[in-house]
Amino acid sequence: MERIAVLADVHGVLPALEAVLAEDDVRSADAIVLAGDIASGPQPVETLDLLTSLGDRVVWVRGNADRELVEMARSEFTGEPPDAVSPWAAQELRPDQVELLAPLPTTVTIGDVLFCHATPRDDEEMVLVDSPISRWAEVFTGLSEDIRTVVCGHTHMPFARQVDRRLVVNAGSVGMPYGAPGPSWALLTPDGVQLRRAPLDAVKAAERITTESTYPGRQEWVEEYLLTNYSDTEALEAFRPRAEG
């Protein structure tokens, strides 16, 4: 495959997904890799229906939120829900959508590139752009030397950095981006990696969600995640205790 578009953390935000899929380089990509946390959000059913309509070009990777949705839908989830929208989204999914998410792999390898949600060994392990090399070495324990690039999501903040001669790419988040507004995604080509943002009218997107979604907390959700934007500083400070291992 020559060109791969990576979409992570869509989180059931249909207008943001549509904005990224409309990008010329996504439309012409050989494959679209979904790096987890696909449906947990205000429009889970519509998001999955759109993605499945794209057929075999889509390569699915399961994230922790997808795993939790399946567990909630099957009444197998224990503990406190991670947020307010997940239990609602889980009940909205059709049985065929639960069965779609349940067996998804946690990693996919294409050539010498490994795609995952959080880290290759865990779907909710936290590593950040400024995590020390020792931490990266720990989470890459057991990873084949043949893997030269690791592409992930999970923290909703895009970056690309070298880790002991490997390239690590975080595609950011389509539906809930931190650091800067606008759906973020990544393009992998033979010439390297490009971190991209798709244009999105946040006000119109928020209006669509409040009109089209039946999630009871949709107004509060759009105000927190579409009409405002957590900075990278805020997100890094919040995630750092979990990233220290």
C-alpha atoms as a PDB file:
ATOM      1  CA  MET A   1       0.000   0.000   0.000  1.00  0.00           C
ATOM      2  CA  GLU A   2       1.398   3.359  -1.034  1.00  0.00           C
ATOM      3  CA  ARG A   3      -0.849   5.765   0.877  1.00  0.00           C
ATOM      4  CA  ILE A   4      -2.617   5.076   4.164  1.00  0.00           C
ATOM      5  CA  ALA A   5      -4.933   7.517   5.947  1.00  0.00           C
ATOM      6  CA  VAL A   6      -5.109   6.974   9.712  1.00  0.00           C
ATOM      7  CA  LEU A   7      -8.206   8.063  11.605  1.00  0.00           C
ATOM      8  CA  ALA A   8      -8.108   7.618  15.375  1.00  0.00           C
ATOM      9  CA  ASP A   9     -10.618   8.392  18.101  1.00  0.00           C
ATOM     10  CA  VAL A  10     -13.623   9.262  15.957  1.00  0.00           C
ATOM     11  CA  HIS A  11     -15.772   8.856  19.082  1.00  0.00           C
ATOM     12  CA  GLY A  12     -19.063   8.792  17.237  1.00  0.00           C
ATOM     13  CA  VAL A  13     -18.811  12.369  15.943  1.00  0.00           C
ATOM     14  CA  LEU A  14     -20.369  12.075  12.503  1.00  0.00           C
ATOM     15  CA  PRO A  15     -19.755  15.639  11.188  1.00  0.00           C
ATOM     16  CA  ALA A  16     -16.052  15.400  12.058  1.00  0.00           C
ATOM     17  CA  LEU A  17     -15.770  11.992  10.391  1.00  0.00           C
ATOM     18  CA  GLU A  18     -17.492  13.288   7.264  1.00  0.00           C
ATOM     19  CA  ALA A  19     -15.077  16.239   7.144  1.00  0.00           C
ATOM     20  CA  VAL A  20     -12.050  13.940   7.202  1.00  0.00           C
ATOM     21  CA  LEU A  21     -13.496  11.478   4.700  1.00  0.00           C
ATOM     22  CA  ALA A  22     -14.082  14.418   2.326  1.00  0.00           C
ATOM     23  CA  GLU A  23     -10.362  15.224   2.256  1.00  0.00           C
ATOM     24  CA  ASP A  24      -8.866  14.459  -1.167  1.00  0.00           C
ATOM     25  CA  ASP A  25      -5.969  12.485   0.302  1.00  0.00           C
ATOM     26  CA  VAL A  26      -8.351  10.339   2.335  1.00  0.00           C
ATOM     27  CA  ARG A  27     -10.612   9.706  -0.632  1.00  0.00           C
ATOM     28  CA  SER A  28      -7.631   8.626  -2.746  1.00  0.00           C
ATOM     29  CA  ALA A  29      -5.823   6.616  -0.047  1.00  0.00           C
ATOM     30  CA  ASP A  30      -5.219   2.917  -0.636  1.00  0.00           C
ATOM     31  CA  ALA A  31      -6.480   2.167   2.867  1.00  0.00           C
ATOM     32  CA  ILE A  32      -8.140   3.944   5.778  1.00  0.00           C
ATOM     33  CA  VAL A  33      -6.963   2.603   9.116  1.00  0.00           C
ATOM     34  CA  LEU A  34      -9.236   3.245  12.091  1.00  0.00           C
ATOM     35  CA  ALA A  35      -6.978   3.346  15.140  1.00  0.00           C
ATOM     36  CA  GLY A  36      -9.608   2.624  17.752  1.00  0.00           C
ATOM     37  CA  ASP A  37     -12.284   4.388  19.827  1.00  0.00           C
ATOM     38  CA  ILE A  38     -14.564   4.549  16.855  1.00  0.00           C
ATOM     39  CA  ALA A  39     -18.156   4.722  18.064  1.00  0.00           C
ATOM     40  CA  SER A  40     -18.323   5.847  21.685  1.00  0.00           C
ATOM     41  CA  GLY A  41     -19.938   9.247  21.333  1.00  0.00           C
ATOM     42  CA  PRO A  42     -23.149  11.063  20.409  1.00  0.00           C
ATOM     43  CA  GLN A  43     -23.737   9.371  17.002  1.00  0.00           C
ATOM     44  CA  PRO A  44     -22.482   5.789  17.316  1.00  0.00           C
ATOM     45  CA  VAL A  45     -24.902   4.053  14.956  1.00  0.00           C
ATOM     46  CA  GLU A  46     -24.518   6.563  12.140  1.00  0.00           C
ATOM     47  CA  THR A  47     -20.735   6.590  12.484  1.00  0.00           C
ATOM     48  CA  LEU A  48     -20.444   2.820  12.158  1.00  0.00           C
ATOM     49  CA  ASP A  49     -22.894   2.720   9.252  1.00  0.00           C
ATOM     50  CA  LEU A  50     -20.867   5.298   7.329  1.00  0.00           C
ATOM     51  CA  LEU A  51     -17.584   3.477   7.941  1.00  0.00           C
ATOM     52  CA  THR A  52     -18.930   0.058   7.003  1.00  0.00           C
ATOM     53  CA  SER A  53     -20.308   1.547   3.769  1.00  0.00           C
ATOM     54  CA  LEU A  54     -16.709   2.207   2.677  1.00  0.00           C
ATOM     55  CA  GLY A  55     -16.071  -1.513   2.336  1.00  0.00           C
ATOM     56  CA  ASP A  56     -12.721  -3.233   2.249  1.00  0.00           C
ATOM     57  CA  ARG A  57     -10.679  -0.031   2.107  1.00  0.00           C
ATOM     58  CA  VAL A  58     -11.250   0.328   5.850  1.00  0.00           C
ATOM     59  CA  VAL A  59      -8.910  -1.493   8.233  1.00  0.00           C
ATOM     60  CA  TRP A  60     -10.405  -1.707  11.715  1.00  0.00           C
ATOM     61  CA  VAL A  61      -8.440  -1.616  14.985  1.00  0.00           C
ATOM     62  CA  ARG A  62     -10.221  -1.856  18.317  1.00  0.00           C
ATOM     63  CA  GLY A  63      -9.675   0.694  21.068  1.00  0.00           C
ATOM     64  CA  ASN A  64     -10.477   0.542  24.758  1.00  0.00           C
ATOM     65  CA  ALA A  65     -13.729   2.479  24.255  1.00  0.00           C
ATOM     66  CA  ASP A  66     -14.866  -0.017  21.604  1.00  0.00           C
ATOM     67  CA  ARG A  67     -14.125  -2.901  23.955  1.00  0.00           C
ATOM     68  CA  GLU A  68     -16.067  -1.155  26.716  1.00  0.00           C
ATOM     69  CA  LEU A  69     -19.042  -0.529  24.410  1.00  0.00           C
ATOM     70  CA  VAL A  70     -19.252  -4.232  23.636  1.00  0.00           C
ATOM     71  CA  GLU A  71     -19.034  -5.135  27.324  1.00  0.00           C
ATOM     72  CA  MET A  72     -21.756  -2.619  28.194  1.00  0.00           C
ATOM     73  CA  ALA A  73     -24.011  -3.765  25.360  1.00  0.00           C
ATOM     74  CA  ARG A  74     -23.643  -7.350  26.579  1.00  0.00           C
ATOM     75  CA  SER A  75     -24.099  -6.377  30.258  1.00  0.00           C
ATOM     76  CA  GLU A  76     -20.573  -7.615  30.975  1.00  0.00           C
ATOM     77  CA  PHE A  77     -19.010  -4.306  31.999  1.00  0.00           C
ATOM     78  CA  THR A  78     -17.957  -3.982  35.645  1.00  0.00           C
ATOM     79  CA  GLY A  79     -16.910  -0.856  37.479  1.00  0.00           C
ATOM     80  CA  GLU A  80     -17.682   2.768  36.797  1.00  0.00           C
ATOM     81  CA  PRO A  81     -18.326   3.897  33.200  1.00  0.00           C
ATOM     82  CA  PRO A  82     -15.483   6.050  31.857  1.00  0.00           C
ATOM     83  CA  ASP A  83     -17.888   8.838  30.880  1.00  0.00           C
ATOM     84  CA  ALA A  84     -21.578   9.614  30.589  1.00  0.00           C
ATOM     85  CA  VAL A  85     -21.981   8.993  26.873  1.00  0.00           C
ATOM     86  CA  SER A  86     -20.600   5.429  26.710  1.00  0.00           C
ATOM     87  CA  PRO A  87     -23.492   3.577  28.448  1.00  0.00           C
ATOM     88  CA  TRP A  88     -25.980   5.415  26.263  1.00  0.00           C
ATOM     89  CA  ALA A  89     -24.011   4.683  23.083  1.00  0.00           C
ATOM     90  CA  ALA A  90     -23.723   1.016  23.984  1.00  0.00           C
ATOM     91  CA  GLN A  91     -27.489   0.694  24.226  1.00  0.00           C
ATOM     92  CA  GLU A  92     -27.957   2.458  20.894  1.00  0.00           C
ATOM     93  CA  LEU A  93     -25.829  -0.020  18.925  1.00  0.00           C
ATOM     94  CA  ARG A  94     -27.632  -2.614  16.866  1.00  0.00           C
ATOM     95  CA  PRO A  95     -26.719  -6.265  17.502  1.00  0.00           C
ATOM     96  CA  ASP A  96     -24.827  -6.432  14.188  1.00  0.00           C
ATOM     97  CA  GLN A  97     -22.732  -3.429  15.237  1.00  0.00           C
ATOM     98  CA  VAL A  98     -21.868  -5.036  18.561  1.00  0.00           C
ATOM     99  CA  GLU A  99     -20.785  -8.133  16.638  1.00  0.00           C
ATOM    100  CA  LEU A 100     -18.715  -5.940  14.313  1.00  0.00           C
ATOM    101  CA  LEU A 101     -16.777  -4.360  17.182  1.00  0.00           C
ATOM    102  CA  ALA A 102     -16.358  -7.422  19.395  1.00  0.00           C
ATOM    103  CA  PRO A 103     -13.734  -9.383  17.399  1.00  0.00           C
ATOM    104  CA  LEU A 104     -11.710  -6.457  16.083  1.00  0.00           C
ATOM    105  CA  PRO A 105      -7.940  -6.856  16.485  1.00  0.00           C
ATOM    106  CA  THR A 106      -5.994  -4.652  18.878  1.00  0.00           C
ATOM    107  CA  THR A 107      -3.099  -4.383  16.410  1.00  0.00           C
ATOM    108  CA  VAL A 108      -2.768  -4.561  12.634  1.00  0.00           C
ATOM    109  CA  THR A 109       0.523  -4.714  10.755  1.00  0.00           C
ATOM    110  CA  ILE A 110       0.927  -3.485   7.168  1.00  0.00           C
ATOM    111  CA  GLY A 111       4.466  -3.936   5.896  1.00  0.00           C
ATOM    112  CA  ASP A 112       6.787  -2.649   8.628  1.00  0.00           C
ATOM    113  CA  VAL A 113       4.100  -0.429  10.206  1.00  0.00           C
ATOM    114  CA  LEU A 114       2.120  -1.505  13.259  1.00  0.00           C
ATOM    115  CA  PHE A 115      -1.188   0.200  13.976  1.00  0.00           C
ATOM    116  CA  CYS A 116      -2.687   0.135  17.458  1.00  0.00           C
ATOM    117  CA  HIS A 117      -4.877   2.289  19.666  1.00  0.00           C
ATOM    118  CA  ALA A 118      -2.766   3.057  22.720  1.00  0.00           C
ATOM    119  CA  THR A 119       0.346   0.854  22.655  1.00  0.00           C
ATOM    120  CA  PRO A 120       1.092  -2.449  20.914  1.00  0.00           C
ATOM    121  CA  ARG A 121       0.596  -4.363  24.156  1.00  0.00           C
ATOM    122  CA  ASP A 122      -2.365  -2.588  25.800  1.00  0.00           C
ATOM    123  CA  ASP A 123      -5.431  -0.728  24.526  1.00  0.00           C
ATOM    124  CA  GLU A 124      -5.443   1.921  27.265  1.00  0.00           C
ATOM    125  CA  GLU A 125      -1.793   2.298  28.244  1.00  0.00           C
ATOM    126  CA  MET A 126      -0.684   5.923  28.192  1.00  0.00           C
ATOM    127  CA  VAL A 127       2.478   7.294  26.576  1.00  0.00           C
ATOM    128  CA  LEU A 128       2.957  10.918  25.587  1.00  0.00           C
ATOM    129  CA  VAL A 129       5.072  12.900  23.161  1.00  0.00           C
ATOM    130  CA  ASP A 130       7.404  13.867  26.001  1.00  0.00           C
ATOM    131  CA  SER A 131       7.541  10.460  27.696  1.00  0.00           C
ATOM    132  CA  PRO A 132      11.189   9.429  28.248  1.00  0.00           C
ATOM    133  CA  ILE A 133      12.861   6.853  26.029  1.00  0.00           C
ATOM    134  CA  SER A 134      12.928   4.440  28.965  1.00  0.00           C
ATOM    135  CA  ARG A 135       9.119   4.520  29.094  1.00  0.00           C
ATOM    136  CA  TRP A 136       8.830   3.945  25.349  1.00  0.00           C
ATOM    137  CA  ALA A 137      11.317   1.069  25.586  1.00  0.00           C
ATOM    138  CA  GLU A 138       9.128  -0.479  28.289  1.00  0.00           C
ATOM    139  CA  VAL A 139       5.913  -0.367  26.243  1.00  0.00           C
ATOM    140  CA  PHE A 140       7.717  -1.663  23.151  1.00  0.00           C
ATOM    141  CA  THR A 141       9.099  -4.701  24.999  1.00  0.00           C
ATOM    142  CA  GLY A 142       8.741  -7.744  22.783  1.00  0.00           C
ATOM    143  CA  LEU A 143       7.978  -5.763  19.650  1.00  0.00           C
ATOM    144  CA  SER A 144       9.605  -7.262  16.573  1.00  0.00           C
ATOM    145  CA  GLU A 145      12.650  -5.435  15.237  1.00  0.00           C
ATOM    146  CA  ASP A 146      10.965  -5.627  11.832  1.00  0.00           C
ATOM    147  CA  ILE A 147       8.448  -3.001  12.979  1.00  0.00           C
ATOM    148  CA  ARG A 148       9.967   0.362  12.076  1.00  0.00           C
ATOM    149  CA  THR A 149       6.883   2.566  12.588  1.00  0.00           C
ATOM    150  CA  VAL A 150       4.190   2.441  15.268  1.00  0.00           C
ATOM    151  CA  VAL A 151       0.994   4.423  14.696  1.00  0.00           C
ATOM    152  CA  CYS A 152      -1.446   5.015  17.537  1.00  0.00           C
ATOM    153  CA  GLY A 153      -4.090   7.350  18.947  1.00  0.00           C
ATOM    154  CA  HIS A 154      -5.705   7.310  22.416  1.00  0.00           C
ATOM    155  CA  THR A 155      -4.368  10.609  23.801  1.00  0.00           C
ATOM    156  CA  HIS A 156      -6.131  12.752  21.152  1.00  0.00           C
ATOM    157  CA  MET A 157      -2.946  14.786  20.527  1.00  0.00           C
ATOM    158  CA  PRO A 158      -1.052  14.335  17.234  1.00  0.00           C
ATOM    159  CA  PHE A 159       2.723  13.984  17.149  1.00  0.00           C
ATOM    160  CA  ALA A 160       5.553  12.241  15.342  1.00  0.00           C
ATOM    161  CA  ARG A 161       8.865  11.441  17.053  1.00  0.00           C
ATOM    162  CA  GLN A 162      11.794   9.060  16.867  1.00  0.00           C
ATOM    163  CA  VAL A 163      12.218   6.411  19.542  1.00  0.00           C
ATOM    164  CA  ASP A 164      15.482   4.485  19.245  1.00  0.00           C
ATOM    165  CA  ARG A 165      15.403   4.383  15.434  1.00  0.00           C
ATOM    166  CA  ARG A 166      11.669   3.741  15.300  1.00  0.00           C
ATOM    167  CA  LEU A 167       9.151   6.340  14.190  1.00  0.00           C
ATOM    168  CA  VAL A 168       6.161   6.776  16.505  1.00  0.00           C
ATOM    169  CA  VAL A 169       3.121   8.571  15.111  1.00  0.00           C
ATOM    170  CA  ASN A 170       0.001   9.627  16.983  1.00  0.00           C
ATOM    171  CA  ALA A 171      -2.802  10.489  14.565  1.00  0.00           C
ATOM    172  CA  GLY A 172      -4.605  12.617  17.132  1.00  0.00           C
ATOM    173  CA  SER A 173      -8.398  12.496  17.203  1.00  0.00           C
ATOM    174  CA  VAL A 174     -11.072  12.982  14.582  1.00  0.00           C
ATOM    175  CA  GLY A 175     -13.934  13.566  16.999  1.00  0.00           C
ATOM    176  CA  MET A 176     -12.386  14.987  20.167  1.00  0.00           C
ATOM    177  CA  PRO A 177      -9.089  16.701  19.282  1.00  0.00           C
ATOM    178  CA  TYR A 178      -6.932  18.203  22.005  1.00  0.00           C
ATOM    179  CA  GLY A 179      -4.327  20.895  21.490  1.00  0.00           C
ATOM    180  CA  ALA A 180      -5.871  22.618  18.470  1.00  0.00           C
ATOM    181  CA  PRO A 181      -9.367  22.691  16.994  1.00  0.00           C
ATOM    182  CA  GLY A 182     -10.328  20.629  13.977  1.00  0.00           C
ATOM    183  CA  PRO A 183     -10.410  16.885  13.284  1.00  0.00           C
ATOM    184  CA  SER A 184      -6.862  15.542  13.163  1.00  0.00           C
ATOM    185  CA  TRP A 185      -5.637  12.556  11.145  1.00  0.00           C
ATOM    186  CA  ALA A 186      -2.410  11.248   9.631  1.00  0.00           C
ATOM    187  CA  LEU A 187      -1.296  10.379   6.116  1.00  0.00           C
ATOM    188  CA  LEU A 188       1.418   7.765   5.596  1.00  0.00           C
ATOM    189  CA  THR A 189       3.162   7.725   2.224  1.00  0.00           C
ATOM    190  CA  PRO A 190       6.470   6.336   0.930  1.00  0.00           C
ATOM    191  CA  ASP A 191       7.858   9.848   1.465  1.00  0.00           C
ATOM    192  CA  GLY A 192       6.991   9.973   5.160  1.00  0.00           C
ATOM    193  CA  VAL A 193       4.212  10.994   7.542  1.00  0.00           C
ATOM    194  CA  GLN A 194       2.029  14.074   7.417  1.00  0.00           C
ATOM    195  CA  LEU A 195      -0.110  15.198  10.341  1.00  0.00           C
ATOM    196  CA  ARG A 196      -3.251  16.823   9.017  1.00  0.00           C
ATOM    197  CA  ARG A 197      -6.336  18.675  10.234  1.00  0.00           C
ATOM    198  CA  ALA A 198      -9.588  18.812   8.297  1.00  0.00           C
ATOM    199  CA  PRO A 199     -11.652  22.006   8.183  1.00  0.00           C
ATOM    200  CA  LEU A 200     -14.809  21.850  10.257  1.00  0.00           C
ATOM    201  CA  ASP A 201     -17.379  24.479  11.146  1.00  0.00           C
ATOM    202  CA  ALA A 202     -17.704  23.664  14.841  1.00  0.00           C
ATOM    203  CA  VAL A 203     -20.906  25.655  15.302  1.00  0.00           C
ATOM    204  CA  LYS A 204     -22.668  23.894  12.442  1.00  0.00           C
ATOM    205  CA  ALA A 205     -21.351  20.526  13.619  1.00  0.00           C
ATOM    206  CA  ALA A 206     -22.661  21.210  17.112  1.00  0.00           C
ATOM    207  CA  GLU A 207     -26.040  22.178  15.709  1.00  0.00           C
ATOM    208  CA  ARG A 208     -26.203  18.944  13.738  1.00  0.00           C
ATOM    209  CA  ILE A 209     -25.390  16.832  16.758  1.00  0.00           C
ATOM    210  CA  THR A 210     -27.909  18.571  18.995  1.00  0.00           C
ATOM    211  CA  THR A 211     -30.542  18.137  16.260  1.00  0.00           C
ATOM    212  CA  GLU A 212     -29.736  14.625  15.060  1.00  0.00           C
ATOM    213  CA  SER A 213     -28.475  12.828  18.174  1.00  0.00           C
ATOM    214  CA  THR A 214     -30.826  11.588  20.882  1.00  0.00           C
ATOM    215  CA  TYR A 215     -28.123  11.494  23.555  1.00  0.00           C
ATOM    216  CA  PRO A 216     -29.672  13.303  26.569  1.00  0.00           C
ATOM    217  CA  GLY A 217     -26.434  15.115  27.387  1.00  0.00           C
ATOM    218  CA  ARG A 218     -25.689  16.189  23.828  1.00  0.00           C
ATOM    219  CA  GLN A 219     -25.812  19.935  24.523  1.00  0.00           C
ATOM    220  CA  GLU A 220     -23.251  19.682  27.308  1.00  0.00           C
ATOM    221  CA  TRP A 221     -21.155  17.337  25.161  1.00  0.00           C
ATOM    222  CA  VAL A 222     -20.896  19.701  22.201  1.00  0.00           C
ATOM    223  CA  GLU A 223     -20.114  22.627  24.465  1.00  0.00           C
ATOM    224  CA  GLU A 224     -17.201  20.723  26.020  1.00  0.00           C
ATOM    225  CA  TYR A 225     -15.742  19.000  22.975  1.00  0.00           C
ATOM    226  CA  LEU A 226     -16.829  20.926  19.864  1.00  0.00           C
ATOM    227  CA  LEU A 227     -17.429  24.538  20.867  1.00  0.00           C
ATOM    228  CA  THR A 228     -14.367  24.622  23.109  1.00  0.00           C
ATOM    229  CA  ASN A 229     -11.035  22.841  22.905  1.00  0.00           C
ATOM    230  CA  TYR A 230      -8.776  21.416  25.613  1.00  0.00           C
ATOM    231  CA  SER A 231      -5.235  22.677  25.157  1.00  0.00           C
ATOM    232  CA  ASP A 232      -2.303  20.301  24.805  1.00  0.00           C
ATOM    233  CA  THR A 233      -0.937  21.694  28.080  1.00  0.00           C
ATOM    234  CA  GLU A 234      -4.154  20.822  29.916  1.00  0.00           C
ATOM    235  CA  ALA A 235      -4.300  17.359  28.376  1.00  0.00           C
ATOM    236  CA  LEU A 236      -0.633  16.560  29.039  1.00  0.00           C
ATOM    237  CA  GLU A 237      -0.953  17.582  32.669  1.00  0.00           C
ATOM    238  CA  ALA A 238      -4.083  15.472  33.085  1.00  0.00           C
ATOM    239  CA  PHE A 239      -2.553  12.413  31.405  1.00  0.00           C
ATOM    240  CA  ARG A 240       0.965  12.595  32.825  1.00  0.00           C
ATOM    241  CA  PRO A 241       0.276  10.642  36.072  1.00  0.00           C
ATOM    242  CA  ARG A 242      -1.153   7.789  33.987  1.00  0.00           C
ATOM    243  CA  ALA A 243       1.770   7.898  31.552  1.00  0.00           C
ATOM    244  CA  GLU A 244       4.493   7.431  34.139  1.00  0.00           C
ATOM    245  CA  GLY A 245       3.905   3.710  34.378  1.00  0.00           C
END
